[in-house]
Amino acid sequence: MIQRVYYKAFGAEVWRLQNTGVSGESLAIEVGVLVAKWVGRGLTQSVLEAIRTDVFNVSAPLPA
């Protein structure tokens, strides 16, 4: 239950990126970094990716 706060923090970071004008592949890459950061802090990658895609309509970054 306490992890809900952290998922909300992830969402706030994505929202902040979108509202500062980051878009396209740059946004996808930045959000990918955020996903990795929060997975490292113990959150579930699939949930973070679902938030990224379903809530913010940000696609996964293209492979390098």
PDB file of N, CA and C in Angstrom:
ATOM      1  N   MET A   1       0.817  -1.191   0.000  1.00  0.00           N
ATOM      2  CA  MET A   1       0.000   0.000   0.000  1.00  0.00           C
ATOM      3  C   MET A   1       0.864   1.259   0.000  1.00  0.00           C
ATOM      4  N   ILE A   2       1.935   1.264   0.727  1.00  0.00           N
ATOM      5  CA  ILE A   2       2.791   2.446   0.793  1.00  0.00           C
ATOM      6  C   ILE A   2       3.419   2.747  -0.563  1.00  0.00           C
ATOM      7  N   GLN A   3       3.547   1.744  -1.421  1.00  0.00           N
ATOM      8  CA  GLN A   3       4.173   1.964  -2.722  1.00  0.00           C
ATOM      9  C   GLN A   3       3.343   2.868  -3.623  1.00  0.00           C
ATOM     10  N   ARG A   4       2.062   3.014  -3.325  1.00  0.00           N
ATOM     11  CA  ARG A   4       1.218   3.896  -4.122  1.00  0.00           C
ATOM     12  C   ARG A   4       1.800   5.303  -4.213  1.00  0.00           C
ATOM     13  N   VAL A   5       2.377   5.755  -3.132  1.00  0.00           N
ATOM     14  CA  VAL A   5       2.987   7.087  -3.094  1.00  0.00           C
ATOM     15  C   VAL A   5       4.114   7.175  -4.117  1.00  0.00           C
ATOM     16  N   TYR A   6       4.882   6.105  -4.245  1.00  0.00           N
ATOM     17  CA  TYR A   6       6.013   6.111  -5.170  1.00  0.00           C
ATOM     18  C   TYR A   6       5.552   6.063  -6.624  1.00  0.00           C
ATOM     19  N   TYR A   7       4.486   5.321  -6.892  1.00  0.00           N
ATOM     20  CA  TYR A   7       3.938   5.318  -8.250  1.00  0.00           C
ATOM     21  C   TYR A   7       3.399   6.706  -8.600  1.00  0.00           C
ATOM     22  N   LYS A   8       2.799   7.375  -7.627  1.00  0.00           N
ATOM     23  CA  LYS A   8       2.320   8.744  -7.852  1.00  0.00           C
ATOM     24  C   LYS A   8       3.496   9.680  -8.115  1.00  0.00           C
ATOM     25  N   ALA A   9       4.602   9.487  -7.406  1.00  0.00           N
ATOM     26  CA  ALA A   9       5.797  10.313  -7.628  1.00  0.00           C
ATOM     27  C   ALA A   9       6.335  10.098  -9.041  1.00  0.00           C
ATOM     28  N   PHE A  10       6.333   8.842  -9.505  1.00  0.00           N
ATOM     29  CA  PHE A  10       6.738   8.551 -10.879  1.00  0.00           C
ATOM     30  C   PHE A  10       5.841   9.303 -11.858  1.00  0.00           C
ATOM     31  N   GLY A  11       4.532   9.229 -11.640  1.00  0.00           N
ATOM     32  CA  GLY A  11       3.594   9.931 -12.510  1.00  0.00           C
ATOM     33  C   GLY A  11       3.825  11.431 -12.509  1.00  0.00           C
ATOM     34  N   ALA A  12       4.130  11.984 -11.357  1.00  0.00           N
ATOM     35  CA  ALA A  12       4.394  13.426 -11.269  1.00  0.00           C
ATOM     36  C   ALA A  12       5.641  13.798 -12.059  1.00  0.00           C
ATOM     37  N   GLU A  13       6.651  12.933 -12.037  1.00  0.00           N
ATOM     38  CA  GLU A  13       7.873  13.206 -12.799  1.00  0.00           C
ATOM     39  C   GLU A  13       7.602  13.162 -14.304  1.00  0.00           C
ATOM     40  N   VAL A  14       6.800  12.196 -14.737  1.00  0.00           N
ATOM     41  CA  VAL A  14       6.448  12.113 -16.159  1.00  0.00           C
ATOM     42  C   VAL A  14       5.625  13.337 -16.552  1.00  0.00           C
ATOM     43  N   TRP A  15       4.669  13.701 -15.728  1.00  0.00           N
ATOM     44  CA  TRP A  15       3.830  14.871 -15.996  1.00  0.00           C
ATOM     45  C   TRP A  15       4.690  16.129 -16.125  1.00  0.00           C
ATOM     46  N   ARG A  16       5.658  16.276 -15.225  1.00  0.00           N
ATOM     47  CA  ARG A  16       6.540  17.443 -15.248  1.00  0.00           C
ATOM     48  C   ARG A  16       7.323  17.507 -16.559  1.00  0.00           C
ATOM     49  N   LEU A  17       7.823  16.351 -17.005  1.00  0.00           N
ATOM     50  CA  LEU A  17       8.551  16.323 -18.277  1.00  0.00           C
ATOM     51  C   LEU A  17       7.656  16.775 -19.429  1.00  0.00           C
ATOM     52  N   GLN A  18       6.449  16.235 -19.475  1.00  0.00           N
ATOM     53  CA  GLN A  18       5.530  16.598 -20.558  1.00  0.00           C
ATOM     54  C   GLN A  18       5.200  18.085 -20.541  1.00  0.00           C
ATOM     55  N   ASN A  19       5.057  18.639 -19.376  1.00  0.00           N
ATOM     56  CA  ASN A  19       4.647  20.042 -19.275  1.00  0.00           C
ATOM     57  C   ASN A  19       5.799  21.025 -19.377  1.00  0.00           C
ATOM     58  N   THR A  20       7.020  20.528 -19.485  1.00  0.00           N
ATOM     59  CA  THR A  20       8.155  21.419 -19.734  1.00  0.00           C
ATOM     60  C   THR A  20       8.543  21.392 -21.201  1.00  0.00           C
ATOM     61  N   GLY A  21       7.735  20.716 -22.017  1.00  0.00           N
ATOM     62  CA  GLY A  21       7.948  20.749 -23.460  1.00  0.00           C
ATOM     63  C   GLY A  21       8.748  19.597 -24.030  1.00  0.00           C
ATOM     64  N   VAL A  22       9.110  18.626 -23.218  1.00  0.00           N
ATOM     65  CA  VAL A  22       9.822  17.460 -23.738  1.00  0.00           C
ATOM     66  C   VAL A  22       8.798  16.594 -24.463  1.00  0.00           C
ATOM     67  N   SER A  23       9.133  16.137 -25.676  1.00  0.00           N
ATOM     68  CA  SER A  23       8.178  15.345 -26.445  1.00  0.00           C
ATOM     69  C   SER A  23       8.906  14.365 -27.358  1.00  0.00           C
ATOM     70  N   GLY A  24       8.124  13.530 -28.019  1.00  0.00           N
ATOM     71  CA  GLY A  24       8.671  12.585 -28.991  1.00  0.00           C
ATOM     72  C   GLY A  24       9.622  11.572 -28.378  1.00  0.00           C
ATOM     73  N   GLU A  25      10.654  11.241 -29.142  1.00  0.00           N
ATOM     74  CA  GLU A  25      11.617  10.234 -28.708  1.00  0.00           C
ATOM     75  C   GLU A  25      12.395  10.702 -27.479  1.00  0.00           C
ATOM     76  N   SER A  26      12.629  12.000 -27.362  1.00  0.00           N
ATOM     77  CA  SER A  26      13.321  12.525 -26.172  1.00  0.00           C
ATOM     78  C   SER A  26      12.518  12.228 -24.910  1.00  0.00           C
ATOM     79  N   LEU A  27      11.207  12.417 -24.990  1.00  0.00           N
ATOM     80  CA  LEU A  27      10.345  12.111 -23.850  1.00  0.00           C
ATOM     81  C   LEU A  27      10.373  10.619 -23.551  1.00  0.00           C
ATOM     82  N   ALA A  28      10.305   9.795 -24.589  1.00  0.00           N
ATOM     83  CA  ALA A  28      10.332   8.343 -24.396  1.00  0.00           C
ATOM     84  C   ALA A  28      11.622   7.911 -23.708  1.00  0.00           C
ATOM     85  N   ILE A  29      12.745   8.486 -24.111  1.00  0.00           N
ATOM     86  CA  ILE A  29      14.036   8.145 -23.505  1.00  0.00           C
ATOM     87  C   ILE A  29      14.074   8.595 -22.045  1.00  0.00           C
ATOM     88  N   GLU A  30      13.636   9.820 -21.787  1.00  0.00           N
ATOM     89  CA  GLU A  30      13.643  10.345 -20.415  1.00  0.00           C
ATOM     90  C   GLU A  30      12.745   9.514 -19.500  1.00  0.00           C
ATOM     91  N   VAL A  31      11.578   9.129 -19.998  1.00  0.00           N
ATOM     92  CA  VAL A  31      10.673   8.311 -19.195  1.00  0.00           C
ATOM     93  C   VAL A  31      11.274   6.919 -18.992  1.00  0.00           C
ATOM     94  N   GLY A  32      11.991   6.407 -19.990  1.00  0.00           N
ATOM     95  CA  GLY A  32      12.694   5.134 -19.818  1.00  0.00           C
ATOM     96  C   GLY A  32      13.704   5.194 -18.684  1.00  0.00           C
ATOM     97  N   VAL A  33      14.384   6.318 -18.567  1.00  0.00           N
ATOM     98  CA  VAL A  33      15.330   6.515 -17.462  1.00  0.00           C
ATOM     99  C   VAL A  33      14.579   6.528 -16.130  1.00  0.00           C
ATOM    100  N   LEU A  34      13.426   7.191 -16.110  1.00  0.00           N
ATOM    101  CA  LEU A  34      12.625   7.214 -14.880  1.00  0.00           C
ATOM    102  C   LEU A  34      12.136   5.817 -14.506  1.00  0.00           C
ATOM    103  N   VAL A  35      11.719   5.041 -15.499  1.00  0.00           N
ATOM    104  CA  VAL A  35      11.287   3.665 -15.227  1.00  0.00           C
ATOM    105  C   VAL A  35      12.433   2.888 -14.587  1.00  0.00           C
ATOM    106  N   ALA A  36      13.627   2.988 -15.164  1.00  0.00           N
ATOM    107  CA  ALA A  36      14.786   2.277 -14.611  1.00  0.00           C
ATOM    108  C   ALA A  36      15.083   2.742 -13.186  1.00  0.00           C
ATOM    109  N   LYS A  37      14.978   4.035 -12.951  1.00  0.00           N
ATOM    110  CA  LYS A  37      15.228   4.591 -11.614  1.00  0.00           C
ATOM    111  C   LYS A  37      14.273   3.992 -10.588  1.00  0.00           C
ATOM    112  N   TRP A  38      12.983   3.966 -10.926  1.00  0.00           N
ATOM    113  CA  TRP A  38      11.995   3.487  -9.969  1.00  0.00           C
ATOM    114  C   TRP A  38      12.004   1.966  -9.826  1.00  0.00           C
ATOM    115  N   VAL A  39      12.375   1.249 -10.882  1.00  0.00           N
ATOM    116  CA  VAL A  39      12.557  -0.205 -10.750  1.00  0.00           C
ATOM    117  C   VAL A  39      13.701  -0.467  -9.776  1.00  0.00           C
ATOM    118  N   GLY A  40      14.765   0.324  -9.883  1.00  0.00           N
ATOM    119  CA  GLY A  40      15.888   0.204  -8.956  1.00  0.00           C
ATOM    120  C   GLY A  40      15.497   0.474  -7.517  1.00  0.00           C
ATOM    121  N   ARG A  41      14.438   1.225  -7.330  1.00  0.00           N
ATOM    122  CA  ARG A  41      13.948   1.541  -5.985  1.00  0.00           C
ATOM    123  C   ARG A  41      12.883   0.555  -5.506  1.00  0.00           C
ATOM    124  N   GLY A  42      12.630  -0.477  -6.315  1.00  0.00           N
ATOM    125  CA  GLY A  42      11.761  -1.549  -5.863  1.00  0.00           C
ATOM    126  C   GLY A  42      10.363  -1.598  -6.455  1.00  0.00           C
ATOM    127  N   LEU A  43      10.040  -0.708  -7.391  1.00  0.00           N
ATOM    128  CA  LEU A  43       8.714  -0.761  -8.000  1.00  0.00           C
ATOM    129  C   LEU A  43       8.693  -1.766  -9.147  1.00  0.00           C
ATOM    130  N   THR A  44       7.508  -2.163  -9.557  1.00  0.00           N
ATOM    131  CA  THR A  44       7.326  -3.168 -10.595  1.00  0.00           C
ATOM    132  C   THR A  44       7.374  -2.518 -11.977  1.00  0.00           C
ATOM    133  N   GLN A  45       8.260  -3.039 -12.833  1.00  0.00           N
ATOM    134  CA  GLN A  45       8.463  -2.452 -14.154  1.00  0.00           C
ATOM    135  C   GLN A  45       7.187  -2.457 -14.986  1.00  0.00           C
ATOM    136  N   SER A  46       6.445  -3.545 -14.963  1.00  0.00           N
ATOM    137  CA  SER A  46       5.238  -3.619 -15.794  1.00  0.00           C
ATOM    138  C   SER A  46       4.191  -2.587 -15.369  1.00  0.00           C
ATOM    139  N   VAL A  47       4.107  -2.297 -14.086  1.00  0.00           N
ATOM    140  CA  VAL A  47       3.157  -1.286 -13.607  1.00  0.00           C
ATOM    141  C   VAL A  47       3.605   0.100 -14.063  1.00  0.00           C
ATOM    142  N   LEU A  48       4.897   0.388 -13.939  1.00  0.00           N
ATOM    143  CA  LEU A  48       5.427   1.674 -14.392  1.00  0.00           C
ATOM    144  C   LEU A  48       5.210   1.854 -15.891  1.00  0.00           C
ATOM    145  N   GLU A  49       5.446   0.797 -16.659  1.00  0.00           N
ATOM    146  CA  GLU A  49       5.249   0.875 -18.107  1.00  0.00           C
ATOM    147  C   GLU A  49       3.777   1.073 -18.453  1.00  0.00           C
ATOM    148  N   ALA A  50       2.890   0.459 -17.680  1.00  0.00           N
ATOM    149  CA  ALA A  50       1.453   0.656 -17.907  1.00  0.00           C
ATOM    150  C   ALA A  50       1.056   2.100 -17.620  1.00  0.00           C
ATOM    151  N   ILE A  51       1.595   2.679 -16.561  1.00  0.00           N
ATOM    152  CA  ILE A  51       1.329   4.089 -16.257  1.00  0.00           C
ATOM    153  C   ILE A  51       1.852   4.953 -17.394  1.00  0.00           C
ATOM    154  N   ARG A  52       3.073   4.668 -17.834  1.00  0.00           N
ATOM    155  CA  ARG A  52       3.685   5.425 -18.936  1.00  0.00           C
ATOM    156  C   ARG A  52       2.794   5.420 -20.172  1.00  0.00           C
ATOM    157  N   THR A  53       2.310   4.240 -20.542  1.00  0.00           N
ATOM    158  CA  THR A  53       1.568   4.080 -21.785  1.00  0.00           C
ATOM    159  C   THR A  53       0.095   4.466 -21.642  1.00  0.00           C
ATOM    160  N   ASP A  54      -0.563   3.936 -20.625  1.00  0.00           N
ATOM    161  CA  ASP A  54      -2.012   4.108 -20.497  1.00  0.00           C
ATOM    162  C   ASP A  54      -2.416   5.483 -19.972  1.00  0.00           C
ATOM    163  N   VAL A  55      -1.622   6.041 -19.082  1.00  0.00           N
ATOM    164  CA  VAL A  55      -1.980   7.330 -18.488  1.00  0.00           C
ATOM    165  C   VAL A  55      -1.413   8.489 -19.299  1.00  0.00           C
ATOM    166  N   PHE A  56      -0.137   8.367 -19.689  1.00  0.00           N
ATOM    167  CA  PHE A  56       0.540   9.493 -20.329  1.00  0.00           C
ATOM    168  C   PHE A  56       0.710   9.337 -21.839  1.00  0.00           C
ATOM    169  N   ASN A  57       0.315   8.192 -22.389  1.00  0.00           N
ATOM    170  CA  ASN A  57       0.409   7.942 -23.827  1.00  0.00           C
ATOM    171  C   ASN A  57       1.828   8.155 -24.361  1.00  0.00           C
ATOM    172  N   VAL A  58       2.802   7.669 -23.602  1.00  0.00           N
ATOM    173  CA  VAL A  58       4.210   7.744 -24.001  1.00  0.00           C
ATOM    174  C   VAL A  58       4.637   6.338 -24.388  1.00  0.00           C
ATOM    175  N   SER A  59       5.200   6.197 -25.574  1.00  0.00           N
ATOM    176  CA  SER A  59       5.637   4.880 -26.027  1.00  0.00           C
ATOM    177  C   SER A  59       6.999   4.543 -25.435  1.00  0.00           C
ATOM    178  N   ALA A  60       7.359   3.280 -25.539  1.00  0.00           N
ATOM    179  CA  ALA A  60       8.684   2.847 -25.091  1.00  0.00           C
ATOM    180  C   ALA A  60       9.735   3.444 -26.025  1.00  0.00           C
ATOM    181  N   PRO A  61      10.918   3.749 -25.501  1.00  0.00           N
ATOM    182  CA  PRO A  61      11.964   4.299 -26.378  1.00  0.00           C
ATOM    183  C   PRO A  61      12.410   3.258 -27.402  1.00  0.00           C
ATOM    184  N   LEU A  62      12.806   3.734 -28.563  1.00  0.00           N
ATOM    185  CA  LEU A  62      13.319   2.841 -29.602  1.00  0.00           C
ATOM    186  C   LEU A  62      14.666   2.278 -29.165  1.00  0.00           C
ATOM    187  N   PRO A  63      14.953   1.028 -29.519  1.00  0.00           N
ATOM    188  CA  PRO A  63      16.255   0.457 -29.151  1.00  0.00           C
ATOM    189  C   PRO A  63      17.392   1.212 -29.838  1.00  0.00           C
ATOM    190  N   ALA A  64      18.489   1.319 -29.136  1.00  0.00           N
ATOM    191  CA  ALA A  64      19.644   2.069 -29.676  1.00  0.00           C
ATOM    192  C   ALA A  64      20.353   1.312 -30.767  1.00  0.00           C
TER     193      ALA A  64
END
